[in-house]
Amino acid sequence: MAAAAARPEPQTALDELVVDDSLLEQALEGRERAKEAARKARKTFEGADEQARTHVVRLERELGEGPVRVGRFVLELKTAPARAVSFETDPKERIAIRVAK
C-alpha cells in the first residue's frame, strides 16, 4: 500500500499534519460510532445494574449464608481481604485518538 500523502496544516497547530487517507478515516469513523454505541450501552447497563443492586440489598442477610438463587441468576457475597499493593510501570507510548473540535 502506498504511503498516504501528508501536507502541513499550520493554521490548526504548529506541528500538525493533515493526512488524506480515506481507508484510515473510514476506520476512525467506524471506531467513533462504536465508541458512542458503547458509551450508550454502558450508561444503560449502569442504570440497570444500579436498579438491580437496590433490590439485591434486601437479601443481605441471606447472602451472608451462601449463594442465593433468583430465577436463572445466582447471587453470592464475596469478600476480599485488605492488602497492600505496590508496583512499578515501564515507560510506554500510546496513540491518542480524539475527534477534532
PDB file of N, CA and C in Angstrom:
ATOM      1  N   MET A   1       0.843  -1.176   0.000  1.00  0.00           N
ATOM      2  CA  MET A   1       0.000   0.000   0.000  1.00  0.00           C
ATOM      3  C   MET A   1       0.884   1.234   0.000  1.00  0.00           C
ATOM      4  N   ALA A   2       0.575   2.195  -0.811  1.00  0.00           N
ATOM      5  CA  ALA A   2       1.369   3.409  -0.910  1.00  0.00           C
ATOM      6  C   ALA A   2       1.178   4.261   0.334  1.00  0.00           C
ATOM      7  N   ALA A   3       2.209   4.986   0.687  1.00  0.00           N
ATOM      8  CA  ALA A   3       2.130   5.884   1.840  1.00  0.00           C
ATOM      9  C   ALA A   3       1.108   6.974   1.551  1.00  0.00           C
ATOM     10  N   ALA A   4       0.382   7.356   2.574  1.00  0.00           N
ATOM     11  CA  ALA A   4      -0.625   8.400   2.425  1.00  0.00           C
ATOM     12  C   ALA A   4       0.065   9.747   2.260  1.00  0.00           C
ATOM     13  N   ALA A   5      -0.524  10.589   1.446  1.00  0.00           N
ATOM     14  CA  ALA A   5       0.027  11.919   1.246  1.00  0.00           C
ATOM     15  C   ALA A   5      -0.231  12.764   2.478  1.00  0.00           C
ATOM     16  N   ALA A   6       0.802  13.467   2.932  1.00  0.00           N
ATOM     17  CA  ALA A   6       0.656  14.333   4.096  1.00  0.00           C
ATOM     18  C   ALA A   6       0.977  15.755   3.674  1.00  0.00           C
ATOM     19  N   ARG A   7       0.268  16.689   4.191  1.00  0.00           N
ATOM     20  CA  ARG A   7       0.563  18.086   3.902  1.00  0.00           C
ATOM     21  C   ARG A   7       0.484  18.878   5.208  1.00  0.00           C
ATOM     22  N   PRO A   8       1.359  19.842   5.365  1.00  0.00           N
ATOM     23  CA  PRO A   8       1.308  20.637   6.586  1.00  0.00           C
ATOM     24  C   PRO A   8       0.036  21.474   6.636  1.00  0.00           C
ATOM     25  N   GLU A   9      -0.510  21.660   7.805  1.00  0.00           N
ATOM     26  CA  GLU A   9      -1.716  22.458   8.004  1.00  0.00           C
ATOM     27  C   GLU A   9      -1.432  23.413   9.152  1.00  0.00           C
ATOM     28  N   PRO A  10      -0.585  24.446   8.930  1.00  0.00           N
ATOM     29  CA  PRO A  10      -0.112  25.273  10.033  1.00  0.00           C
ATOM     30  C   PRO A  10      -1.187  26.078  10.742  1.00  0.00           C
ATOM     31  N   GLN A  11      -2.359  26.268  10.148  1.00  0.00           N
ATOM     32  CA  GLN A  11      -3.365  27.070  10.828  1.00  0.00           C
ATOM     33  C   GLN A  11      -4.020  26.347  12.011  1.00  0.00           C
ATOM     34  N   THR A  12      -3.945  25.021  12.082  1.00  0.00           N
ATOM     35  CA  THR A  12      -4.552  24.303  13.203  1.00  0.00           C
ATOM     36  C   THR A  12      -3.587  24.136  14.363  1.00  0.00           C
ATOM     37  N   ALA A  13      -2.325  23.934  14.083  1.00  0.00           N
ATOM     38  CA  ALA A  13      -1.288  23.818  15.112  1.00  0.00           C
ATOM     39  C   ALA A  13       0.061  23.920  14.418  1.00  0.00           C
ATOM     40  N   LEU A  14       1.076  24.284  15.142  1.00  0.00           N
ATOM     41  CA  LEU A  14       2.390  24.443  14.540  1.00  0.00           C
ATOM     42  C   LEU A  14       2.962  23.138  14.017  1.00  0.00           C
ATOM     43  N   ASP A  15       2.673  22.043  14.685  1.00  0.00           N
ATOM     44  CA  ASP A  15       3.280  20.770  14.308  1.00  0.00           C
ATOM     45  C   ASP A  15       2.286  19.737  13.795  1.00  0.00           C
ATOM     46  N   GLU A  16       1.100  20.145  13.423  1.00  0.00           N
ATOM     47  CA  GLU A  16       0.074  19.203  12.976  1.00  0.00           C
ATOM     48  C   GLU A  16       0.144  18.987  11.469  1.00  0.00           C
ATOM     49  N   LEU A  17      -0.068  17.755  11.066  1.00  0.00           N
ATOM     50  CA  LEU A  17      -0.154  17.404   9.652  1.00  0.00           C
ATOM     51  C   LEU A  17      -1.560  16.915   9.355  1.00  0.00           C
ATOM     52  N   VAL A  18      -2.026  17.144   8.150  1.00  0.00           N
ATOM     53  CA  VAL A  18      -3.299  16.592   7.695  1.00  0.00           C
ATOM     54  C   VAL A  18      -2.964  15.493   6.701  1.00  0.00           C
ATOM     55  N   VAL A  19      -3.483  14.290   6.937  1.00  0.00           N
ATOM     56  CA  VAL A  19      -3.212  13.136   6.088  1.00  0.00           C
ATOM     57  C   VAL A  19      -4.481  12.775   5.343  1.00  0.00           C
ATOM     58  N   ASP A  20      -4.378  12.642   4.038  1.00  0.00           N
ATOM     59  CA  ASP A  20      -5.513  12.213   3.217  1.00  0.00           C
ATOM     60  C   ASP A  20      -5.427  10.698   3.052  1.00  0.00           C
ATOM     61  N   ASP A  21      -6.188   9.961   3.850  1.00  0.00           N
ATOM     62  CA  ASP A  21      -6.197   8.502   3.798  1.00  0.00           C
ATOM     63  C   ASP A  21      -7.630   8.068   4.072  1.00  0.00           C
ATOM     64  N   SER A  22      -8.388   7.832   3.004  1.00  0.00           N
ATOM     65  CA  SER A  22      -9.815   7.537   3.167  1.00  0.00           C
ATOM     66  C   SER A  22     -10.062   6.243   3.931  1.00  0.00           C
ATOM     67  N   LEU A  23      -9.211   5.232   3.763  1.00  0.00           N
ATOM     68  CA  LEU A  23      -9.398   3.974   4.500  1.00  0.00           C
ATOM     69  C   LEU A  23      -9.216   4.193   6.002  1.00  0.00           C
ATOM     70  N   LEU A  24      -8.185   4.933   6.364  1.00  0.00           N
ATOM     71  CA  LEU A  24      -7.961   5.242   7.780  1.00  0.00           C
ATOM     72  C   LEU A  24      -9.096   6.094   8.325  1.00  0.00           C
ATOM     73  N   GLU A  25      -9.527   7.085   7.558  1.00  0.00           N
ATOM     74  CA  GLU A  25     -10.622   7.946   8.009  1.00  0.00           C
ATOM     75  C   GLU A  25     -11.902   7.137   8.220  1.00  0.00           C
ATOM     76  N   GLN A  26     -12.192   6.200   7.301  1.00  0.00           N
ATOM     77  CA  GLN A  26     -13.383   5.353   7.461  1.00  0.00           C
ATOM     78  C   GLN A  26     -13.261   4.488   8.709  1.00  0.00           C
ATOM     79  N   ALA A  27     -12.067   3.946   8.944  1.00  0.00           N
ATOM     80  CA  ALA A  27     -11.854   3.114  10.139  1.00  0.00           C
ATOM     81  C   ALA A  27     -12.049   3.947  11.401  1.00  0.00           C
ATOM     82  N   LEU A  28     -11.556   5.183  11.392  1.00  0.00           N
ATOM     83  CA  LEU A  28     -11.713   6.061  12.565  1.00  0.00           C
ATOM     84  C   LEU A  28     -13.176   6.446  12.771  1.00  0.00           C
ATOM     85  N   GLU A  29     -13.903   6.683  11.682  1.00  0.00           N
ATOM     86  CA  GLU A  29     -15.338   6.986  11.802  1.00  0.00           C
ATOM     87  C   GLU A  29     -16.088   5.788  12.373  1.00  0.00           C
ATOM     88  N   GLY A  30     -15.747   4.577  11.911  1.00  0.00           N
ATOM     89  CA  GLY A  30     -16.371   3.364  12.456  1.00  0.00           C
ATOM     90  C   GLY A  30     -16.065   3.203  13.924  1.00  0.00           C
ATOM     91  N   ARG A  31     -14.821   3.503  14.293  1.00  0.00           N
ATOM     92  CA  ARG A  31     -14.419   3.445  15.709  1.00  0.00           C
ATOM     93  C   ARG A  31     -15.238   4.428  16.537  1.00  0.00           C
ATOM     94  N   GLU A  32     -15.435   5.631  16.011  1.00  0.00           N
ATOM     95  CA  GLU A  32     -16.185   6.656  16.747  1.00  0.00           C
ATOM     96  C   GLU A  32     -17.642   6.244  16.929  1.00  0.00           C
ATOM     97  N   ARG A  33     -18.235   5.646  15.888  1.00  0.00           N
ATOM     98  CA  ARG A  33     -19.626   5.164  16.009  1.00  0.00           C
ATOM     99  C   ARG A  33     -19.714   4.059  17.063  1.00  0.00           C
ATOM    100  N   ALA A  34     -18.751   3.133  17.032  1.00  0.00           N
ATOM    101  CA  ALA A  34     -18.749   2.042  18.011  1.00  0.00           C
ATOM    102  C   ALA A  34     -18.517   2.583  19.421  1.00  0.00           C
ATOM    103  N   LYS A  35     -17.660   3.589  19.549  1.00  0.00           N
ATOM    104  CA  LYS A  35     -17.392   4.203  20.848  1.00  0.00           C
ATOM    105  C   LYS A  35     -18.667   4.833  21.413  1.00  0.00           C
ATOM    106  N   GLU A  36     -19.423   5.514  20.573  1.00  0.00           N
ATOM    107  CA  GLU A  36     -20.677   6.134  21.018  1.00  0.00           C
ATOM    108  C   GLU A  36     -21.697   5.059  21.408  1.00  0.00           C
ATOM    109  N   ALA A  37     -21.771   3.989  20.622  1.00  0.00           N
ATOM    110  CA  ALA A  37     -22.691   2.892  20.950  1.00  0.00           C
ATOM    111  C   ALA A  37     -22.289   2.250  22.280  1.00  0.00           C
ATOM    112  N   ALA A  38     -20.985   2.078  22.499  1.00  0.00           N
ATOM    113  CA  ALA A  38     -20.503   1.502  23.764  1.00  0.00           C
ATOM    114  C   ALA A  38     -20.827   2.425  24.931  1.00  0.00           C
ATOM    115  N   ARG A  39     -20.671   3.737  24.735  1.00  0.00           N
ATOM    116  CA  ARG A  39     -20.987   4.703  25.792  1.00  0.00           C
ATOM    117  C   ARG A  39     -22.472   4.605  26.180  1.00  0.00           C
ATOM    118  N   LYS A  40     -23.330   4.532  25.179  1.00  0.00           N
ATOM    119  CA  LYS A  40     -24.767   4.415  25.448  1.00  0.00           C
ATOM    120  C   LYS A  40     -25.081   3.096  26.143  1.00  0.00           C
ATOM    121  N   ALA A  41     -24.441   2.010  25.693  1.00  0.00           N
ATOM    122  CA  ALA A  41     -24.667   0.701  26.312  1.00  0.00           C
ATOM    123  C   ALA A  41     -24.190   0.693  27.760  1.00  0.00           C
ATOM    124  N   ARG A  42     -23.031   1.312  28.030  1.00  0.00           N
ATOM    125  CA  ARG A  42     -22.528   1.385  29.410  1.00  0.00           C
ATOM    126  C   ARG A  42     -23.485   2.164  30.293  1.00  0.00           C
ATOM    127  N   LYS A  43     -24.005   3.265  29.765  1.00  0.00           N
ATOM    128  CA  LYS A  43     -24.943   4.083  30.535  1.00  0.00           C
ATOM    129  C   LYS A  43     -26.214   3.292  30.843  1.00  0.00           C
ATOM    130  N   THR A  44     -26.709   2.575  29.848  1.00  0.00           N
ATOM    131  CA  THR A  44     -27.899   1.742  30.046  1.00  0.00           C
ATOM    132  C   THR A  44     -27.616   0.654  31.070  1.00  0.00           C
ATOM    133  N   PHE A  45     -26.450  -0.012  30.947  1.00  0.00           N
ATOM    134  CA  PHE A  45     -26.084  -1.060  31.894  1.00  0.00           C
ATOM    135  C   PHE A  45     -25.957  -0.497  33.308  1.00  0.00           C
ATOM    136  N   GLU A  46     -25.296   0.643  33.448  1.00  0.00           N
ATOM    137  CA  GLU A  46     -25.112   1.220  34.786  1.00  0.00           C
ATOM    138  C   GLU A  46     -26.443   1.493  35.463  1.00  0.00           C
ATOM    139  N   GLY A  47     -27.424   1.986  34.712  1.00  0.00           N
ATOM    140  CA  GLY A  47     -28.750   2.222  35.279  1.00  0.00           C
ATOM    141  C   GLY A  47     -29.427   0.924  35.687  1.00  0.00           C
ATOM    142  N   ALA A  48     -29.358  -0.084  34.811  1.00  0.00           N
ATOM    143  CA  ALA A  48     -29.970  -1.381  35.109  1.00  0.00           C
ATOM    144  C   ALA A  48     -29.266  -2.055  36.278  1.00  0.00           C
ATOM    145  N   ASP A  49     -27.933  -1.949  36.324  1.00  0.00           N
ATOM    146  CA  ASP A  49     -27.159  -2.541  37.417  1.00  0.00           C
ATOM    147  C   ASP A  49     -27.521  -1.896  38.748  1.00  0.00           C
ATOM    148  N   GLU A  50     -27.609  -0.576  38.753  1.00  0.00           N
ATOM    149  CA  GLU A  50     -27.966   0.134  39.989  1.00  0.00           C
ATOM    150  C   GLU A  50     -29.360  -0.267  40.464  1.00  0.00           C
ATOM    151  N   GLN A  51     -30.301  -0.372  39.532  1.00  0.00           N
ATOM    152  CA  GLN A  51     -31.664  -0.769  39.885  1.00  0.00           C
ATOM    153  C   GLN A  51     -31.682  -2.177  40.467  1.00  0.00           C
ATOM    154  N   ALA A  52     -30.971  -3.109  39.850  1.00  0.00           N
ATOM    155  CA  ALA A  52     -30.932  -4.488  40.347  1.00  0.00           C
ATOM    156  C   ALA A  52     -30.285  -4.543  41.726  1.00  0.00           C
ATOM    157  N   ARG A  53     -29.186  -3.818  41.897  1.00  0.00           N
ATOM    158  CA  ARG A  53     -28.480  -3.846  43.182  1.00  0.00           C
ATOM    159  C   ARG A  53     -29.303  -3.251  44.320  1.00  0.00           C
ATOM    160  N   THR A  54     -30.184  -2.296  44.024  1.00  0.00           N
ATOM    161  CA  THR A  54     -31.047  -1.764  45.086  1.00  0.00           C
ATOM    162  C   THR A  54     -32.000  -2.843  45.596  1.00  0.00           C
ATOM    163  N   HIS A  55     -32.377  -3.771  44.725  1.00  0.00           N
ATOM    164  CA  HIS A  55     -33.237  -4.886  45.153  1.00  0.00           C
ATOM    165  C   HIS A  55     -32.420  -5.971  45.860  1.00  0.00           C
ATOM    166  N   VAL A  56     -31.187  -6.175  45.415  1.00  0.00           N
ATOM    167  CA  VAL A  56     -30.330  -7.216  45.986  1.00  0.00           C
ATOM    168  C   VAL A  56     -30.020  -6.935  47.452  1.00  0.00           C
ATOM    169  N   VAL A  57     -29.871  -5.676  47.836  1.00  0.00           N
ATOM    170  CA  VAL A  57     -29.512  -5.372  49.228  1.00  0.00           C
ATOM    171  C   VAL A  57     -30.563  -5.881  50.212  1.00  0.00           C
ATOM    172  N   ARG A  58     -31.787  -6.113  49.743  1.00  0.00           N
ATOM    173  CA  ARG A  58     -32.814  -6.666  50.627  1.00  0.00           C
ATOM    174  C   ARG A  58     -32.474  -8.084  51.062  1.00  0.00           C
ATOM    175  N   LEU A  59     -31.577  -8.738  50.325  1.00  0.00           N
ATOM    176  CA  LEU A  59     -31.183 -10.118  50.640  1.00  0.00           C
ATOM    177  C   LEU A  59     -29.870 -10.169  51.411  1.00  0.00           C
ATOM    178  N   GLU A  60     -29.484  -9.077  52.011  1.00  0.00           N
ATOM    179  CA  GLU A  60     -28.173  -9.000  52.663  1.00  0.00           C
ATOM    180  C   GLU A  60     -27.953 -10.142  53.651  1.00  0.00           C
ATOM    181  N   ARG A  61     -28.935 -10.423  54.496  1.00  0.00           N
ATOM    182  CA  ARG A  61     -28.773 -11.496  55.489  1.00  0.00           C
ATOM    183  C   ARG A  61     -28.637 -12.852  54.814  1.00  0.00           C
ATOM    184  N   GLU A  62     -29.481 -13.125  53.825  1.00  0.00           N
ATOM    185  CA  GLU A  62     -29.433 -14.405  53.123  1.00  0.00           C
ATOM    186  C   GLU A  62     -28.114 -14.576  52.366  1.00  0.00           C
ATOM    187  N   LEU A  63     -27.604 -13.498  51.793  1.00  0.00           N
ATOM    188  CA  LEU A  63     -26.354 -13.576  51.035  1.00  0.00           C
ATOM    189  C   LEU A  63     -25.175 -13.922  51.935  1.00  0.00           C
ATOM    190  N   GLY A  64     -25.241 -13.543  53.189  1.00  0.00           N
ATOM    191  CA  GLY A  64     -24.172 -13.872  54.122  1.00  0.00           C
ATOM    192  C   GLY A  64     -24.121 -15.347  54.462  1.00  0.00           C
ATOM    193  N   GLU A  65     -25.174 -16.088  54.118  1.00  0.00           N
ATOM    194  CA  GLU A  65     -25.247 -17.510  54.457  1.00  0.00           C
ATOM    195  C   GLU A  65     -24.859 -18.416  53.297  1.00  0.00           C
ATOM    196  N   GLY A  66     -24.654 -17.871  52.118  1.00  0.00           N
ATOM    197  CA  GLY A  66     -24.280 -18.689  50.963  1.00  0.00           C
ATOM    198  C   GLY A  66     -24.945 -18.185  49.704  1.00  0.00           C
ATOM    199  N   PRO A  67     -24.782 -18.914  48.599  1.00  0.00           N
ATOM    200  CA  PRO A  67     -25.366 -18.484  47.327  1.00  0.00           C
ATOM    201  C   PRO A  67     -26.893 -18.433  47.399  1.00  0.00           C
ATOM    202  N   VAL A  68     -27.475 -17.472  46.712  1.00  0.00           N
ATOM    203  CA  VAL A  68     -28.932 -17.306  46.651  1.00  0.00           C
ATOM    204  C   VAL A  68     -29.333 -17.374  45.180  1.00  0.00           C
ATOM    205  N   ARG A  69     -30.335 -18.198  44.883  1.00  0.00           N
ATOM    206  CA  ARG A  69     -30.807 -18.363  43.512  1.00  0.00           C
ATOM    207  C   ARG A  69     -32.028 -17.480  43.308  1.00  0.00           C
ATOM    208  N   VAL A  70     -32.028 -16.689  42.226  1.00  0.00           N
ATOM    209  CA  VAL A  70     -33.184 -15.876  41.831  1.00  0.00           C
ATOM    210  C   VAL A  70     -33.379 -16.115  40.339  1.00  0.00           C
ATOM    211  N   GLY A  71     -34.364 -16.933  39.987  1.00  0.00           N
ATOM    212  CA  GLY A  71     -34.561 -17.280  38.585  1.00  0.00           C
ATOM    213  C   GLY A  71     -33.317 -17.974  38.042  1.00  0.00           C
ATOM    214  N   ARG A  72     -32.771 -17.459  36.958  1.00  0.00           N
ATOM    215  CA  ARG A  72     -31.570 -18.058  36.378  1.00  0.00           C
ATOM    216  C   ARG A  72     -30.286 -17.437  36.911  1.00  0.00           C
ATOM    217  N   PHE A  73     -30.408 -16.591  37.924  1.00  0.00           N
ATOM    218  CA  PHE A  73     -29.249 -15.888  38.472  1.00  0.00           C
ATOM    219  C   PHE A  73     -28.864 -16.433  39.838  1.00  0.00           C
ATOM    220  N   VAL A  74     -27.565 -16.452  40.088  1.00  0.00           N
ATOM    221  CA  VAL A  74     -27.039 -16.860  41.384  1.00  0.00           C
ATOM    222  C   VAL A  74     -26.326 -15.651  41.969  1.00  0.00           C
ATOM    223  N   LEU A  75     -26.765 -15.244  43.154  1.00  0.00           N
ATOM    224  CA  LEU A  75     -26.154 -14.122  43.849  1.00  0.00           C
ATOM    225  C   LEU A  75     -25.292 -14.666  44.971  1.00  0.00           C
ATOM    226  N   GLU A  76     -24.113 -14.113  45.118  1.00  0.00           N
ATOM    227  CA  GLU A  76     -23.205 -14.602  46.146  1.00  0.00           C
ATOM    228  C   GLU A  76     -22.397 -13.430  46.678  1.00  0.00           C
ATOM    229  N   LEU A  77     -22.282 -13.351  47.984  1.00  0.00           N
ATOM    230  CA  LEU A  77     -21.487 -12.311  48.628  1.00  0.00           C
ATOM    231  C   LEU A  77     -20.051 -12.781  48.687  1.00  0.00           C
ATOM    232  N   LYS A  78     -19.169 -12.021  48.081  1.00  0.00           N
ATOM    233  CA  LYS A  78     -17.751 -12.370  48.091  1.00  0.00           C
ATOM    234  C   LYS A  78     -16.997 -11.265  48.804  1.00  0.00           C
ATOM    235  N   THR A  79     -16.026 -11.662  49.593  1.00  0.00           N
ATOM    236  CA  THR A  79     -15.224 -10.683  50.315  1.00  0.00           C
ATOM    237  C   THR A  79     -13.771 -10.789  49.867  1.00  0.00           C
ATOM    238  N   ALA A  80     -13.089  -9.677  49.930  1.00  0.00           N
ATOM    239  CA  ALA A  80     -11.667  -9.639  49.605  1.00  0.00           C
ATOM    240  C   ALA A  80     -10.952  -8.991  50.776  1.00  0.00           C
ATOM    241  N   PRO A  81      -9.957  -9.658  51.308  1.00  0.00           N
ATOM    242  CA  PRO A  81      -9.241  -9.072  52.436  1.00  0.00           C
ATOM    243  C   PRO A  81      -8.448  -7.841  51.995  1.00  0.00           C
ATOM    244  N   ALA A  82      -8.172  -6.961  52.948  1.00  0.00           N
ATOM    245  CA  ALA A  82      -7.351  -5.791  52.653  1.00  0.00           C
ATOM    246  C   ALA A  82      -5.949  -6.252  52.280  1.00  0.00           C
ATOM    247  N   ARG A  83      -5.307  -5.505  51.398  1.00  0.00           N
ATOM    248  CA  ARG A  83      -3.947  -5.858  51.010  1.00  0.00           C
ATOM    249  C   ARG A  83      -3.223  -4.598  50.555  1.00  0.00           C
ATOM    250  N   ALA A  84      -1.945  -4.606  50.715  1.00  0.00           N
ATOM    251  CA  ALA A  84      -1.111  -3.503  50.246  1.00  0.00           C
ATOM    252  C   ALA A  84      -0.655  -3.837  48.835  1.00  0.00           C
ATOM    253  N   VAL A  85      -0.713  -2.865  47.954  1.00  0.00           N
ATOM    254  CA  VAL A  85      -0.330  -3.076  46.571  1.00  0.00           C
ATOM    255  C   VAL A  85       0.713  -2.032  46.196  1.00  0.00           C
ATOM    256  N   SER A  86       1.796  -2.485  45.627  1.00  0.00           N
ATOM    257  CA  SER A  86       2.835  -1.584  45.163  1.00  0.00           C
ATOM    258  C   SER A  86       3.391  -2.143  43.866  1.00  0.00           C
ATOM    259  N   PHE A  87       3.544  -1.285  42.866  1.00  0.00           N
ATOM    260  CA  PHE A  87       4.068  -1.757  41.595  1.00  0.00           C
ATOM    261  C   PHE A  87       4.713  -0.611  40.837  1.00  0.00           C
ATOM    262  N   GLU A  88       5.516  -0.964  39.875  1.00  0.00           N
ATOM    263  CA  GLU A  88       6.150  -0.002  39.001  1.00  0.00           C
ATOM    264  C   GLU A  88       5.666  -0.255  37.581  1.00  0.00           C
ATOM    265  N   THR A  89       5.705   0.782  36.779  1.00  0.00           N
ATOM    266  CA  THR A  89       5.313   0.619  35.385  1.00  0.00           C
ATOM    267  C   THR A  89       6.501   0.906  34.483  1.00  0.00           C
ATOM    268  N   ASP A  90       6.499   0.292  33.327  1.00  0.00           N
ATOM    269  CA  ASP A  90       7.523   0.550  32.320  1.00  0.00           C
ATOM    270  C   ASP A  90       7.087   1.738  31.475  1.00  0.00           C
ATOM    271  N   PRO A  91       8.025   2.484  30.941  1.00  0.00           N
ATOM    272  CA  PRO A  91       7.624   3.580  30.053  1.00  0.00           C
ATOM    273  C   PRO A  91       6.949   2.999  28.814  1.00  0.00           C
ATOM    274  N   LYS A  92       6.004   3.731  28.269  1.00  0.00           N
ATOM    275  CA  LYS A  92       5.318   3.264  27.072  1.00  0.00           C
ATOM    276  C   LYS A  92       4.798   4.440  26.279  1.00  0.00           C
ATOM    277  N   GLU A  93       4.476   4.171  25.055  1.00  0.00           N
ATOM    278  CA  GLU A  93       3.869   5.161  24.185  1.00  0.00           C
ATOM    279  C   GLU A  93       2.452   4.716  23.865  1.00  0.00           C
ATOM    280  N   ARG A  94       1.558   5.673  23.788  1.00  0.00           N
ATOM    281  CA  ARG A  94       0.173   5.380  23.430  1.00  0.00           C
ATOM    282  C   ARG A  94      -0.250   6.324  22.325  1.00  0.00           C
ATOM    283  N   ILE A  95      -1.073   5.838  21.454  1.00  0.00           N
ATOM    284  CA  ILE A  95      -1.646   6.679  20.416  1.00  0.00           C
ATOM    285  C   ILE A  95      -3.001   7.149  20.907  1.00  0.00           C
ATOM    286  N   ALA A  96      -3.156   8.452  21.038  1.00  0.00           N
ATOM    287  CA  ALA A  96      -4.429   9.026  21.469  1.00  0.00           C
ATOM    288  C   ALA A  96      -5.260   9.337  20.228  1.00  0.00           C
ATOM    289  N   ILE A  97      -6.520   8.934  20.253  1.00  0.00           N
ATOM    290  CA  ILE A  97      -7.426   9.212  19.138  1.00  0.00           C
ATOM    291  C   ILE A  97      -8.599  10.004  19.699  1.00  0.00           C
ATOM    292  N   ARG A  98      -8.821  11.178  19.146  1.00  0.00           N
ATOM    293  CA  ARG A  98      -9.946  12.010  19.587  1.00  0.00           C
ATOM    294  C   ARG A  98     -10.529  12.716  18.376  1.00  0.00           C
ATOM    295  N   VAL A  99     -11.725  13.221  18.530  1.00  0.00           N
ATOM    296  CA  VAL A  99     -12.378  13.948  17.463  1.00  0.00           C
ATOM    297  C   VAL A  99     -11.921  15.404  17.527  1.00  0.00           C
ATOM    298  N   ALA A 100     -11.524  15.961  16.393  1.00  0.00           N
ATOM    299  CA  ALA A 100     -11.098  17.359  16.347  1.00  0.00           C
ATOM    300  C   ALA A 100     -12.280  18.259  16.655  1.00  0.00           C
ATOM    301  N   LYS A 101     -11.998  19.344  17.329  1.00  0.00           N
ATOM    302  CA  LYS A 101     -13.086  20.284  17.678  1.00  0.00           C
ATOM    303  C   LYS A 101     -13.160  21.402  16.676  1.00  0.00           C
TER     304      LYS A 101
END
